[in-house]
N, C-alpha and C. Protein backbone atom coordinates (compact mmCIF):
# COMPACT_ATOMS: atom_id res chain seq x y z
N MET A 1 78.44 118.64 55.43
CA MET A 1 77.89 118.39 56.73
C MET A 1 78.98 117.82 57.65
N GLN A 2 79.01 118.34 58.88
CA GLN A 2 80.05 117.93 59.82
C GLN A 2 79.63 116.67 60.57
N LYS A 3 80.57 115.77 60.75
CA LYS A 3 80.32 114.51 61.45
C LYS A 3 80.13 114.81 62.94
N PRO A 4 79.15 114.20 63.61
CA PRO A 4 78.96 114.46 65.05
C PRO A 4 80.16 113.93 65.84
N ARG A 5 80.47 114.67 66.89
CA ARG A 5 81.62 114.30 67.73
C ARG A 5 81.31 113.00 68.48
N SER A 6 82.30 112.13 68.51
CA SER A 6 82.12 110.87 69.23
C SER A 6 83.00 110.88 70.48
N PHE A 7 82.56 110.18 71.47
CA PHE A 7 83.29 110.09 72.73
C PHE A 7 83.61 108.64 73.02
N ARG A 8 84.48 108.46 73.96
CA ARG A 8 84.78 107.11 74.41
C ARG A 8 83.53 106.53 75.07
N PRO A 9 83.31 105.26 74.92
CA PRO A 9 82.11 104.68 75.53
C PRO A 9 82.20 104.75 77.06
N TRP A 10 81.08 105.14 77.66
CA TRP A 10 81.02 105.23 79.12
C TRP A 10 79.79 104.48 79.59
N GLN A 11 80.04 103.36 80.24
CA GLN A 11 78.95 102.54 80.75
C GLN A 11 79.31 102.13 82.17
N PRO A 12 78.95 102.96 83.14
CA PRO A 12 79.38 102.69 84.52
C PRO A 12 78.82 101.42 85.12
N ASP A 13 77.70 100.92 84.59
CA ASP A 13 77.11 99.70 85.14
C ASP A 13 77.71 98.43 84.56
N GLN A 14 78.49 98.58 83.51
CA GLN A 14 79.07 97.40 82.87
C GLN A 14 80.24 96.89 83.69
N THR A 15 80.24 95.61 83.96
CA THR A 15 81.37 95.01 84.66
C THR A 15 82.31 94.42 83.63
N SER A 16 83.55 94.39 83.94
CA SER A 16 84.52 93.83 83.00
C SER A 16 84.53 92.31 83.13
N LEU A 17 85.01 91.68 82.09
CA LEU A 17 85.06 90.23 82.07
C LEU A 17 86.02 89.71 83.15
N LEU A 18 87.18 90.31 83.21
CA LEU A 18 88.15 89.97 84.24
C LEU A 18 88.47 91.25 85.01
N PRO A 19 88.49 91.19 86.33
CA PRO A 19 88.78 92.41 87.09
C PRO A 19 90.24 92.83 86.89
N PRO A 20 90.49 94.12 86.74
CA PRO A 20 91.87 94.57 86.57
C PRO A 20 92.66 94.39 87.86
N SER A 21 93.91 94.10 87.71
CA SER A 21 94.77 93.93 88.87
C SER A 21 95.36 95.28 89.27
N PRO A 22 95.20 95.69 90.52
CA PRO A 22 95.78 96.96 90.96
C PRO A 22 97.30 96.96 90.87
N ARG A 23 97.91 95.78 90.90
CA ARG A 23 99.38 95.70 90.79
C ARG A 23 99.88 96.22 89.45
N GLU A 24 99.05 96.16 88.43
CA GLU A 24 99.45 96.67 87.11
C GLU A 24 99.50 98.19 87.09
N TRP A 25 98.81 98.84 88.01
CA TRP A 25 98.74 100.30 88.02
C TRP A 25 99.84 100.92 88.87
N LEU A 26 100.52 100.12 89.67
CA LEU A 26 101.55 100.62 90.58
C LEU A 26 102.93 100.36 89.98
N ALA A 27 103.83 101.30 90.11
CA ALA A 27 105.18 101.16 89.55
C ALA A 27 105.88 99.93 90.13
N GLU A 28 106.72 99.31 89.32
CA GLU A 28 107.38 98.07 89.73
C GLU A 28 108.34 98.24 90.90
N ASP A 29 108.91 99.43 91.03
CA ASP A 29 109.89 99.67 92.09
C ASP A 29 109.27 100.35 93.31
N HIS A 30 107.96 100.23 93.47
CA HIS A 30 107.28 100.89 94.59
C HIS A 30 107.64 100.22 95.90
N GLN A 31 107.61 100.98 96.97
CA GLN A 31 107.97 100.52 98.30
C GLN A 31 107.05 99.40 98.79
N VAL A 32 105.83 99.37 98.33
CA VAL A 32 104.88 98.34 98.74
C VAL A 32 105.40 96.95 98.37
N TYR A 33 105.97 96.83 97.20
CA TYR A 33 106.49 95.52 96.78
C TYR A 33 107.65 95.07 97.65
N PHE A 34 108.46 96.03 98.12
CA PHE A 34 109.54 95.69 99.04
C PHE A 34 108.96 95.12 100.33
N LEU A 35 107.91 95.74 100.85
CA LEU A 35 107.30 95.24 102.08
C LEU A 35 106.63 93.89 101.87
N LEU A 36 106.02 93.68 100.71
CA LEU A 36 105.39 92.38 100.44
C LEU A 36 106.44 91.27 100.34
N ASP A 37 107.62 91.60 99.82
CA ASP A 37 108.70 90.61 99.80
C ASP A 37 109.30 90.42 101.18
N LEU A 38 109.27 91.46 101.98
CA LEU A 38 109.88 91.45 103.30
C LEU A 38 109.09 90.63 104.31
N VAL A 39 107.79 90.51 104.12
CA VAL A 39 106.93 89.87 105.12
C VAL A 39 107.36 88.43 105.41
N ASP A 40 107.87 87.72 104.43
CA ASP A 40 108.29 86.33 104.64
C ASP A 40 109.62 86.22 105.38
N GLU A 41 110.39 87.29 105.40
CA GLU A 41 111.70 87.25 106.05
C GLU A 41 111.68 87.73 107.49
N LEU A 42 110.57 88.30 107.93
CA LEU A 42 110.47 88.81 109.29
C LEU A 42 109.99 87.74 110.24
N ASP A 43 110.43 87.84 111.49
CA ASP A 43 109.96 86.94 112.54
C ASP A 43 108.71 87.57 113.15
N LEU A 44 107.55 87.09 112.73
CA LEU A 44 106.28 87.63 113.18
C LEU A 44 105.62 86.76 114.26
N SER A 45 106.41 85.91 114.91
CA SER A 45 105.83 84.97 115.88
C SER A 45 105.18 85.68 117.06
N GLU A 46 105.70 86.83 117.47
CA GLU A 46 105.10 87.56 118.59
C GLU A 46 103.71 88.07 118.25
N ILE A 47 103.43 88.22 116.98
CA ILE A 47 102.12 88.70 116.54
C ILE A 47 101.22 87.53 116.15
N LEU A 48 101.79 86.53 115.46
CA LEU A 48 100.98 85.43 114.93
C LEU A 48 100.49 84.46 116.01
N ILE A 49 101.34 84.13 116.97
CA ILE A 49 100.95 83.14 117.99
C ILE A 49 99.76 83.59 118.82
N PRO A 50 99.75 84.82 119.36
CA PRO A 50 98.54 85.24 120.10
C PRO A 50 97.31 85.36 119.20
N ALA A 51 97.49 85.74 117.96
CA ALA A 51 96.34 85.87 117.05
C ALA A 51 95.74 84.50 116.73
N GLN A 52 96.57 83.46 116.61
CA GLN A 52 96.07 82.12 116.31
C GLN A 52 95.45 81.46 117.53
N ALA A 53 95.80 81.94 118.71
CA ALA A 53 95.26 81.35 119.95
C ALA A 53 93.89 81.90 120.30
N LYS A 54 93.40 82.87 119.56
CA LYS A 54 92.09 83.45 119.84
C LYS A 54 90.97 82.46 119.54
N ASP A 55 89.81 82.73 120.08
CA ASP A 55 88.63 81.90 119.87
C ASP A 55 88.23 81.95 118.39
N PRO A 56 88.09 80.82 117.72
CA PRO A 56 87.80 80.82 116.28
C PRO A 56 86.38 81.20 115.93
N ARG A 57 85.49 81.31 116.92
CA ARG A 57 84.10 81.67 116.63
C ARG A 57 83.99 83.15 116.31
N GLY A 58 82.93 83.53 115.68
CA GLY A 58 82.69 84.93 115.36
C GLY A 58 83.21 85.29 113.98
N GLU A 59 83.25 86.58 113.73
CA GLU A 59 83.68 87.06 112.42
C GLU A 59 85.17 86.80 112.23
N LYS A 60 85.54 86.41 111.03
CA LYS A 60 86.95 86.15 110.75
C LYS A 60 87.72 87.46 110.78
N GLY A 61 88.88 87.39 111.38
CA GLY A 61 89.71 88.58 111.47
C GLY A 61 90.59 88.73 110.24
N PHE A 62 91.23 89.89 110.15
CA PHE A 62 92.18 90.13 109.06
C PHE A 62 93.47 89.40 109.37
N ASP A 63 94.17 89.01 108.33
CA ASP A 63 95.45 88.33 108.48
C ASP A 63 96.42 89.24 109.24
N PRO A 64 97.02 88.76 110.32
CA PRO A 64 97.93 89.61 111.10
C PRO A 64 99.15 90.07 110.29
N ARG A 65 99.57 89.27 109.31
CA ARG A 65 100.69 89.71 108.46
C ARG A 65 100.30 90.92 107.63
N MET A 66 99.05 90.92 107.12
CA MET A 66 98.57 92.06 106.35
C MET A 66 98.45 93.30 107.23
N MET A 67 97.92 93.13 108.43
CA MET A 67 97.78 94.27 109.34
C MET A 67 99.14 94.84 109.74
N THR A 68 100.11 93.95 109.92
CA THR A 68 101.46 94.40 110.26
C THR A 68 102.07 95.20 109.11
N MET A 69 101.97 94.67 107.91
CA MET A 69 102.52 95.38 106.75
C MET A 69 101.78 96.70 106.51
N LEU A 70 100.47 96.70 106.77
CA LEU A 70 99.69 97.93 106.63
C LEU A 70 100.21 99.01 107.57
N LEU A 71 100.43 98.65 108.82
CA LEU A 71 100.95 99.63 109.78
C LEU A 71 102.37 100.07 109.43
N LEU A 72 103.21 99.13 109.04
CA LEU A 72 104.58 99.48 108.68
C LEU A 72 104.62 100.44 107.49
N TYR A 73 103.82 100.16 106.47
CA TYR A 73 103.79 101.04 105.30
C TYR A 73 103.21 102.41 105.66
N ALA A 74 102.16 102.41 106.48
CA ALA A 74 101.56 103.67 106.89
C ALA A 74 102.58 104.53 107.65
N PHE A 75 103.35 103.90 108.53
CA PHE A 75 104.38 104.65 109.25
C PHE A 75 105.45 105.16 108.31
N CYS A 76 105.79 104.36 107.30
CA CYS A 76 106.82 104.78 106.33
C CYS A 76 106.40 106.02 105.54
N VAL A 77 105.12 106.13 105.24
CA VAL A 77 104.65 107.28 104.45
C VAL A 77 104.12 108.40 105.33
N GLY A 78 104.25 108.26 106.65
CA GLY A 78 103.88 109.35 107.56
C GLY A 78 102.41 109.38 107.94
N THR A 79 101.69 108.30 107.75
CA THR A 79 100.28 108.24 108.14
C THR A 79 100.19 107.42 109.41
N VAL A 80 99.91 108.07 110.53
CA VAL A 80 99.88 107.35 111.80
C VAL A 80 98.48 107.23 112.38
N SER A 81 97.56 108.06 111.96
CA SER A 81 96.19 108.02 112.46
C SER A 81 95.47 106.81 111.88
N SER A 82 94.80 106.05 112.74
CA SER A 82 94.10 104.86 112.26
C SER A 82 92.94 105.23 111.34
N ARG A 83 92.33 106.38 111.54
CA ARG A 83 91.26 106.82 110.65
C ARG A 83 91.81 107.18 109.27
N LYS A 84 92.98 107.80 109.24
CA LYS A 84 93.60 108.13 107.94
C LYS A 84 94.08 106.87 107.23
N ILE A 85 94.54 105.90 108.00
CA ILE A 85 94.95 104.63 107.39
C ILE A 85 93.73 103.93 106.79
N GLU A 86 92.62 103.93 107.52
CA GLU A 86 91.39 103.33 106.99
C GLU A 86 90.96 104.03 105.70
N ARG A 87 91.01 105.36 105.69
CA ARG A 87 90.62 106.11 104.49
C ARG A 87 91.56 105.79 103.33
N ALA A 88 92.85 105.64 103.63
CA ALA A 88 93.83 105.32 102.58
C ALA A 88 93.58 103.93 102.00
N CYS A 89 93.06 103.01 102.80
CA CYS A 89 92.77 101.66 102.30
C CYS A 89 91.65 101.69 101.26
N TYR A 90 90.85 102.73 101.25
CA TYR A 90 89.80 102.88 100.24
C TYR A 90 90.29 103.70 99.05
N LYS A 91 91.13 104.71 99.30
CA LYS A 91 91.44 105.68 98.25
C LYS A 91 92.82 105.55 97.63
N ASP A 92 93.81 105.10 98.38
CA ASP A 92 95.19 105.07 97.91
C ASP A 92 95.50 103.72 97.29
N LEU A 93 95.99 103.74 96.07
CA LEU A 93 96.27 102.51 95.34
C LEU A 93 97.32 101.65 96.03
N ALA A 94 98.36 102.28 96.57
CA ALA A 94 99.42 101.52 97.23
C ALA A 94 98.87 100.76 98.45
N PHE A 95 98.03 101.41 99.22
CA PHE A 95 97.42 100.73 100.37
C PHE A 95 96.51 99.59 99.90
N ARG A 96 95.81 99.80 98.79
CA ARG A 96 94.92 98.75 98.28
C ARG A 96 95.69 97.54 97.80
N VAL A 97 96.85 97.78 97.15
CA VAL A 97 97.70 96.67 96.71
C VAL A 97 98.23 95.92 97.93
N LEU A 98 98.67 96.66 98.92
CA LEU A 98 99.26 96.05 100.11
C LEU A 98 98.25 95.20 100.87
N THR A 99 97.02 95.67 100.96
CA THR A 99 96.00 94.94 101.73
C THR A 99 95.24 93.92 100.90
N GLY A 100 95.54 93.82 99.62
CA GLY A 100 94.78 92.91 98.76
C GLY A 100 93.34 93.36 98.60
N ASN A 101 93.16 94.68 98.59
CA ASN A 101 91.85 95.32 98.42
C ASN A 101 90.90 95.01 99.58
N GLN A 102 91.47 94.83 100.77
CA GLN A 102 90.66 94.68 101.99
C GLN A 102 90.73 96.01 102.74
N GLN A 103 89.66 96.37 103.41
CA GLN A 103 89.62 97.64 104.11
C GLN A 103 89.26 97.44 105.58
N PRO A 104 90.27 97.27 106.44
CA PRO A 104 89.97 97.18 107.88
C PRO A 104 89.52 98.55 108.41
N ASP A 105 88.59 98.54 109.34
CA ASP A 105 88.14 99.82 109.88
C ASP A 105 89.12 100.34 110.94
N HIS A 106 88.94 101.59 111.31
CA HIS A 106 89.91 102.23 112.20
C HIS A 106 89.96 101.58 113.58
N ASN A 107 88.86 101.01 114.04
CA ASN A 107 88.87 100.34 115.34
C ASN A 107 89.77 99.10 115.32
N ARG A 108 89.68 98.33 114.26
CA ARG A 108 90.53 97.14 114.16
C ARG A 108 92.00 97.52 114.03
N ILE A 109 92.28 98.57 113.26
CA ILE A 109 93.66 99.03 113.11
C ILE A 109 94.21 99.49 114.45
N SER A 110 93.42 100.27 115.16
CA SER A 110 93.85 100.79 116.46
C SER A 110 94.03 99.67 117.48
N ASP A 111 93.09 98.73 117.52
CA ASP A 111 93.21 97.60 118.46
C ASP A 111 94.43 96.74 118.14
N PHE A 112 94.66 96.49 116.86
CA PHE A 112 95.83 95.70 116.47
C PHE A 112 97.12 96.40 116.90
N ARG A 113 97.19 97.70 116.68
CA ARG A 113 98.38 98.45 117.07
C ARG A 113 98.59 98.40 118.57
N ARG A 114 97.52 98.60 119.34
CA ARG A 114 97.63 98.62 120.79
C ARG A 114 98.05 97.24 121.33
N ARG A 115 97.46 96.17 120.77
CA ARG A 115 97.81 94.82 121.24
C ARG A 115 99.24 94.44 120.91
N ASN A 116 99.76 94.91 119.80
CA ASN A 116 101.07 94.45 119.31
C ASN A 116 102.13 95.54 119.31
N LEU A 117 101.99 96.53 120.17
CA LEU A 117 102.92 97.66 120.16
C LEU A 117 104.37 97.23 120.40
N ASP A 118 104.58 96.37 121.39
CA ASP A 118 105.95 95.92 121.68
C ASP A 118 106.53 95.09 120.54
N ALA A 119 105.71 94.25 119.94
CA ALA A 119 106.19 93.43 118.82
C ALA A 119 106.52 94.31 117.62
N LEU A 120 105.73 95.36 117.39
CA LEU A 120 106.00 96.27 116.27
C LEU A 120 107.32 97.02 116.46
N LYS A 121 107.64 97.35 117.70
CA LYS A 121 108.93 98.02 117.97
C LYS A 121 110.08 97.10 117.57
N GLY A 122 109.95 95.82 117.90
CA GLY A 122 110.98 94.85 117.52
C GLY A 122 111.07 94.67 116.01
N LEU A 123 109.94 94.78 115.32
CA LEU A 123 109.95 94.64 113.86
C LEU A 123 110.72 95.77 113.19
N PHE A 124 110.63 96.96 113.72
CA PHE A 124 111.38 98.07 113.15
C PHE A 124 112.88 97.80 113.19
N VAL A 125 113.34 97.21 114.29
CA VAL A 125 114.75 96.86 114.40
C VAL A 125 115.10 95.78 113.38
N GLN A 126 114.23 94.77 113.23
CA GLN A 126 114.48 93.71 112.24
C GLN A 126 114.56 94.28 110.83
N ILE A 127 113.66 95.19 110.52
CA ILE A 127 113.64 95.77 109.17
C ILE A 127 114.90 96.59 108.92
N LEU A 128 115.34 97.34 109.91
CA LEU A 128 116.57 98.11 109.74
C LEU A 128 117.77 97.20 109.52
N ARG A 129 117.81 96.08 110.24
CA ARG A 129 118.91 95.12 110.04
C ARG A 129 118.88 94.53 108.63
N LEU A 130 117.69 94.17 108.15
CA LEU A 130 117.57 93.62 106.79
C LEU A 130 117.95 94.66 105.74
N CYS A 131 117.54 95.90 105.96
CA CYS A 131 117.91 96.98 105.02
C CYS A 131 119.42 97.21 105.04
N GLN A 132 120.02 97.07 106.20
CA GLN A 132 121.48 97.24 106.28
C GLN A 132 122.18 96.12 105.51
N LYS A 133 121.69 94.89 105.63
CA LYS A 133 122.28 93.78 104.88
C LYS A 133 122.13 93.97 103.38
N ALA A 134 121.00 94.56 102.97
CA ALA A 134 120.74 94.79 101.54
C ALA A 134 121.48 96.01 101.01
N GLY A 135 122.15 96.75 101.91
CA GLY A 135 122.89 97.93 101.48
C GLY A 135 122.02 99.15 101.24
N MET A 136 120.81 99.12 101.77
CA MET A 136 119.89 100.23 101.55
C MET A 136 120.09 101.34 102.57
N VAL A 137 120.69 101.03 103.70
CA VAL A 137 120.87 102.02 104.76
C VAL A 137 122.16 101.70 105.50
N SER A 138 122.80 102.73 106.00
CA SER A 138 123.97 102.51 106.84
C SER A 138 123.62 102.97 108.24
N LEU A 139 123.88 102.12 109.20
CA LEU A 139 123.54 102.44 110.58
C LEU A 139 124.79 102.91 111.30
N GLY A 140 124.64 103.97 112.04
CA GLY A 140 125.76 104.53 112.80
C GLY A 140 125.20 105.28 113.99
N HIS A 141 125.99 106.18 114.49
CA HIS A 141 125.57 106.98 115.65
C HIS A 141 125.02 108.31 115.17
N VAL A 142 123.99 108.74 115.84
CA VAL A 142 123.41 110.05 115.58
C VAL A 142 123.52 110.85 116.87
N ALA A 143 124.11 112.03 116.78
CA ALA A 143 124.27 112.88 117.96
C ALA A 143 123.53 114.19 117.73
N LEU A 144 122.82 114.60 118.75
CA LEU A 144 122.11 115.87 118.68
C LEU A 144 122.84 116.87 119.56
N ASP A 145 123.06 118.03 119.04
CA ASP A 145 123.75 119.08 119.77
C ASP A 145 122.72 119.90 120.53
N GLY A 146 122.90 120.08 121.80
CA GLY A 146 121.96 120.84 122.62
C GLY A 146 122.48 122.21 122.99
N THR A 147 123.33 122.77 122.16
CA THR A 147 123.90 124.07 122.46
C THR A 147 122.84 125.15 122.41
N LYS A 148 122.84 126.02 123.42
CA LYS A 148 121.91 127.14 123.44
C LYS A 148 122.65 128.38 122.98
N VAL A 149 122.04 129.11 122.08
CA VAL A 149 122.65 130.32 121.54
C VAL A 149 121.80 131.49 122.00
N LYS A 150 122.47 132.49 122.57
CA LYS A 150 121.76 133.66 123.05
C LYS A 150 121.28 134.48 121.86
N ALA A 151 120.05 134.92 121.93
CA ALA A 151 119.48 135.72 120.84
C ALA A 151 120.05 137.13 120.87
N ASN A 152 119.97 137.80 119.73
CA ASN A 152 120.53 139.14 119.58
C ASN A 152 119.46 140.22 119.78
N ALA A 153 118.28 139.85 120.20
CA ALA A 153 117.22 140.83 120.38
C ALA A 153 117.10 141.19 121.85
N SER A 154 116.87 142.45 122.12
CA SER A 154 116.73 142.93 123.48
C SER A 154 115.24 143.02 123.82
N LYS A 155 114.89 142.64 125.04
CA LYS A 155 113.49 142.73 125.43
C LYS A 155 113.05 144.18 125.57
N HIS A 156 114.03 145.11 125.71
CA HIS A 156 113.69 146.53 125.81
C HIS A 156 113.42 147.15 124.44
N LYS A 157 113.92 146.54 123.38
CA LYS A 157 113.69 147.06 122.03
C LYS A 157 112.44 146.49 121.38
N ALA A 158 111.93 145.40 121.92
CA ALA A 158 110.72 144.81 121.36
C ALA A 158 109.53 145.69 121.70
N MET A 159 108.60 145.81 120.79
CA MET A 159 107.45 146.70 121.00
C MET A 159 106.16 145.90 120.99
N SER A 160 105.21 146.38 121.76
CA SER A 160 103.87 145.80 121.74
C SER A 160 103.07 146.46 120.62
N HIS A 161 101.85 146.00 120.41
CA HIS A 161 101.03 146.56 119.36
C HIS A 161 100.72 148.04 119.64
N GLY A 162 100.42 148.35 120.88
CA GLY A 162 100.14 149.73 121.24
C GLY A 162 101.37 150.62 121.12
N GLY A 163 102.53 150.07 121.42
CA GLY A 163 103.76 150.85 121.33
C GLY A 163 104.18 151.15 119.91
N CYS A 164 103.66 150.40 118.95
CA CYS A 164 104.01 150.61 117.54
C CYS A 164 103.23 151.76 116.91
N SER A 165 102.12 152.16 117.53
CA SER A 165 101.29 153.18 116.88
C SER A 165 102.00 154.52 116.79
N GLY A 166 102.78 154.88 117.82
CA GLY A 166 103.49 156.16 117.78
C GLY A 166 104.57 156.19 116.71
N PRO A 167 105.53 155.26 116.74
CA PRO A 167 106.59 155.27 115.71
C PRO A 167 106.05 155.04 114.30
N ARG A 168 104.97 154.27 114.20
CA ARG A 168 104.42 154.00 112.88
C ARG A 168 103.89 155.27 112.23
N SER A 169 103.19 156.07 112.99
CA SER A 169 102.66 157.31 112.43
C SER A 169 103.79 158.27 112.06
N SER A 170 104.86 158.28 112.85
CA SER A 170 105.99 159.16 112.51
C SER A 170 106.71 158.66 111.26
N TRP A 171 106.78 157.33 111.08
CA TRP A 171 107.40 156.78 109.85
C TRP A 171 106.57 157.14 108.63
N LEU A 172 105.25 157.05 108.79
CA LEU A 172 104.38 157.39 107.67
C LEU A 172 104.51 158.86 107.28
N ARG A 173 104.63 159.76 108.27
CA ARG A 173 104.78 161.20 107.97
C ARG A 173 106.09 161.46 107.24
N ARG A 174 107.15 160.74 107.63
CA ARG A 174 108.45 160.96 107.01
C ARG A 174 108.50 160.38 105.60
N SER A 175 107.79 159.28 105.35
CA SER A 175 107.87 158.63 104.05
C SER A 175 106.97 159.26 103.00
N THR A 176 105.92 160.01 103.40
CA THR A 176 105.04 160.64 102.40
C THR A 176 105.45 162.10 102.21
N PRO A 177 105.57 162.57 100.96
CA PRO A 177 106.00 163.97 100.72
C PRO A 177 104.87 164.96 100.93
């Protein structure tokens, strides 16, 4: 008699004794950890001072340092839409580690970006300077060449869709025996 097949236990309603840390699931050399270390070295006074001066009543806001790092990381990975950033805070492990498993909605992300746009521009310069000191990037001059090259196609040789029907049928007659 054959032994019945056994499977791994699956109990979706069971909670674990201690919640797993998302940091254990992310590689040690991930870019998120660089940003988390970087937050203490940046001058965030242009963002923190206006945020602390707000009225303390109402719902507690997200930490401005977390929102800043969220936007910086999102820009680094090419996610600029606030709705996509919000979705990534739910689905992407790196975003979850960075935000401490908090999920700001797209309106808050967009408002934060709009309020602090000038300060964020200055932060990019600060980050580049810190990366240059760490030897991660070399800063120099970038020049773009605006040379125009004339194309080799003649406007008289280009054909429209209707103009192709005649030569096409003659090509087909020549190619079939």
